[in-house]
Amino acid sequence: EVQLQASGGGLVQPGGSLNLSCAISSFSLDHYGIGWFRQAPGTEREVVSCISNSDPRTYYANSVKGRFIISGDNAKGTVSLQMNSLKPEDTAVYYCAADLFGCMYWKSGYRGPIDDKYWGQGTLVTVSS
């Protein structure tokens, strides 16, 4: 059974950087796509980024493309999201998720895995001066 643990959130000034980490038991990018969603207060959950060993290898939402970098480490069983040039609109709770279909369905409007067991708890990112 896969278990996910997200960490690395915090308070950062606009223009700053944070690195989120998702530690995954039973981890292999050969078997799952691993990615991040976020949800700001009063808004719908939105897809952010995904990584997989099968095509498509990565996905980035347009809102984070060029600023965020996703990477995976099979040896450590982690997926990281390096967030640079942060903006106040990046403020949200960030959730990592494991997807049996890799990153195939990751695009705007995708709600992520249906089964709760493929989700980790959230980590809060606040971008504010």
Protein backbone atom coordinates (compact mmCIF):
# COMPACT_ATOMS: atom_id res chain seq x y z
CA GLU A 1 0.00 0.00 0.00
CA VAL A 2 1.39 3.38 -0.98
CA GLN A 3 1.76 6.07 1.68
CA LEU A 4 2.71 9.67 0.97
CA GLN A 5 4.11 12.31 3.31
CA ALA A 6 4.47 15.91 2.15
CA SER A 7 6.75 18.45 3.80
CA GLY A 8 8.62 21.69 3.16
CA GLY A 9 5.90 24.30 3.25
CA GLY A 10 6.29 27.62 5.01
CA LEU A 11 6.21 31.38 4.75
CA VAL A 12 8.28 33.02 2.04
CA GLN A 13 8.46 36.50 0.55
CA PRO A 14 7.46 37.15 -3.06
CA GLY A 15 10.31 36.25 -5.36
CA GLY A 16 11.64 33.68 -2.91
CA SER A 17 11.99 29.92 -3.18
CA LEU A 18 10.79 26.81 -1.37
CA ASN A 19 11.39 23.11 -1.90
CA LEU A 20 8.54 20.72 -1.21
CA SER A 21 9.24 17.04 -0.70
CA CYS A 22 6.93 14.05 -0.95
CA ALA A 23 8.21 10.87 0.69
CA ILE A 24 6.53 7.80 -0.70
CA SER A 25 6.51 4.23 0.60
CA SER A 26 6.46 1.53 -2.07
CA PHE A 27 7.94 4.15 -4.32
CA SER A 28 8.71 3.70 -7.98
CA LEU A 29 8.20 6.07 -10.84
CA ASP A 30 7.88 2.94 -12.97
CA HIS A 31 4.58 2.20 -11.26
CA TYR A 32 3.17 5.63 -10.48
CA GLY A 33 3.11 9.16 -11.63
CA ILE A 34 3.80 11.34 -8.59
CA GLY A 35 2.71 14.91 -8.55
CA TRP A 36 1.39 17.93 -6.78
CA PHE A 37 -1.95 19.65 -6.54
CA ARG A 38 -2.74 22.81 -4.64
CA GLN A 39 -5.82 24.41 -3.18
CA ALA A 40 -6.16 28.01 -2.07
CA PRO A 41 -8.98 29.06 0.27
CA GLY A 42 -12.30 29.32 -1.53
CA THR A 43 -10.99 27.78 -4.75
CA GLU A 44 -11.06 24.42 -6.47
CA ARG A 45 -8.09 22.09 -6.19
CA GLU A 46 -5.82 22.56 -9.19
CA VAL A 47 -3.14 20.44 -10.75
CA VAL A 48 0.43 21.78 -10.50
CA SER A 49 3.03 19.28 -11.70
CA CYS A 50 3.65 15.57 -12.26
CA ILE A 51 6.60 13.26 -12.97
CA SER A 52 6.70 9.72 -14.28
CA ASN A 53 9.06 7.26 -15.99
CA SER A 54 6.58 6.80 -18.82
CA ASP A 55 5.50 9.40 -21.35
CA PRO A 56 4.54 12.08 -20.68
CA ARG A 57 7.51 12.26 -18.31
CA THR A 58 6.57 15.57 -16.74
CA TYR A 59 3.69 18.00 -16.64
CA TYR A 60 3.57 21.59 -15.48
CA ALA A 61 0.55 23.83 -15.21
CA ASN A 62 0.94 26.99 -17.29
CA SER A 63 0.83 29.07 -14.11
CA VAL A 64 4.06 27.47 -12.79
CA LYS A 65 5.90 26.60 -15.99
CA GLY A 66 9.41 28.08 -15.97
CA ARG A 67 9.32 28.68 -12.21
CA PHE A 68 8.77 25.22 -10.68
CA ILE A 69 10.90 22.12 -11.23
CA ILE A 70 9.78 18.61 -10.33
CA SER A 71 12.27 15.79 -9.77
CA GLY A 72 12.23 12.24 -8.45
CA ASP A 73 14.75 10.12 -6.54
CA ASN A 74 13.94 6.41 -6.61
CA ALA A 75 16.77 5.61 -4.19
CA LYS A 76 15.40 7.97 -1.55
CA GLY A 77 11.76 7.37 -2.39
CA THR A 78 11.02 11.05 -2.79
CA VAL A 79 9.66 13.52 -5.29
CA SER A 80 10.61 17.17 -4.87
CA LEU A 81 9.04 20.35 -6.18
CA GLN A 82 11.49 23.23 -6.34
CA MET A 83 9.43 26.42 -6.40
CA ASN A 84 11.21 29.58 -7.53
CA SER A 85 10.10 33.16 -8.14
CA LEU A 86 7.14 32.60 -5.88
CA LYS A 87 4.13 34.87 -6.17
CA PRO A 88 1.34 35.64 -3.70
CA GLU A 89 -1.03 33.69 -5.96
CA ASP A 90 1.04 30.55 -5.29
CA THR A 91 -0.26 30.63 -1.71
CA ALA A 92 -2.14 27.38 -1.12
CA VAL A 93 -2.09 24.03 0.61
CA TYR A 94 -0.01 21.71 -1.57
CA TYR A 95 -0.83 18.01 -1.76
CA CYS A 96 1.20 15.21 -3.30
CA ALA A 97 -0.53 12.30 -4.99
CA ALA A 98 0.35 8.99 -6.63
CA ASP A 99 -1.33 8.22 -9.94
CA LEU A 100 -1.53 4.69 -11.37
CA PHE A 101 -1.87 6.21 -14.84
CA GLY A 102 1.36 8.16 -14.63
CA CYS A 103 0.99 11.75 -15.81
CA MET A 104 -1.29 10.77 -18.68
CA TYR A 105 -4.35 12.65 -17.46
CA TRP A 106 -2.61 15.57 -15.82
CA LYS A 107 -3.92 18.76 -17.38
CA SER A 108 -6.06 21.70 -16.39
CA GLY A 109 -9.23 20.47 -14.71
CA TYR A 110 -7.88 17.09 -13.67
CA ARG A 111 -8.97 16.30 -10.10
CA GLY A 112 -6.44 13.56 -9.39
CA PRO A 113 -6.78 10.01 -8.02
CA ILE A 114 -10.24 9.11 -6.79
CA ASP A 115 -9.04 6.85 -3.97
CA ASP A 116 -7.94 8.77 -0.86
CA LYS A 117 -5.16 6.27 -0.19
CA TYR A 118 -3.18 7.80 -3.05
CA TRP A 119 -3.04 11.22 -1.42
CA GLY A 120 -0.71 12.63 1.19
CA GLN A 121 -1.61 15.28 3.73
CA GLY A 122 -1.15 18.88 2.66
CA THR A 123 1.64 21.30 3.40
CA LEU A 124 0.87 25.02 3.55
CA VAL A 125 2.79 27.47 1.38
CA THR A 126 2.28 31.16 2.13
CA VAL A 127 3.84 33.79 -0.12
CA SER A 128 3.59 37.17 1.52
CA SER A 129 5.68 40.19 2.40
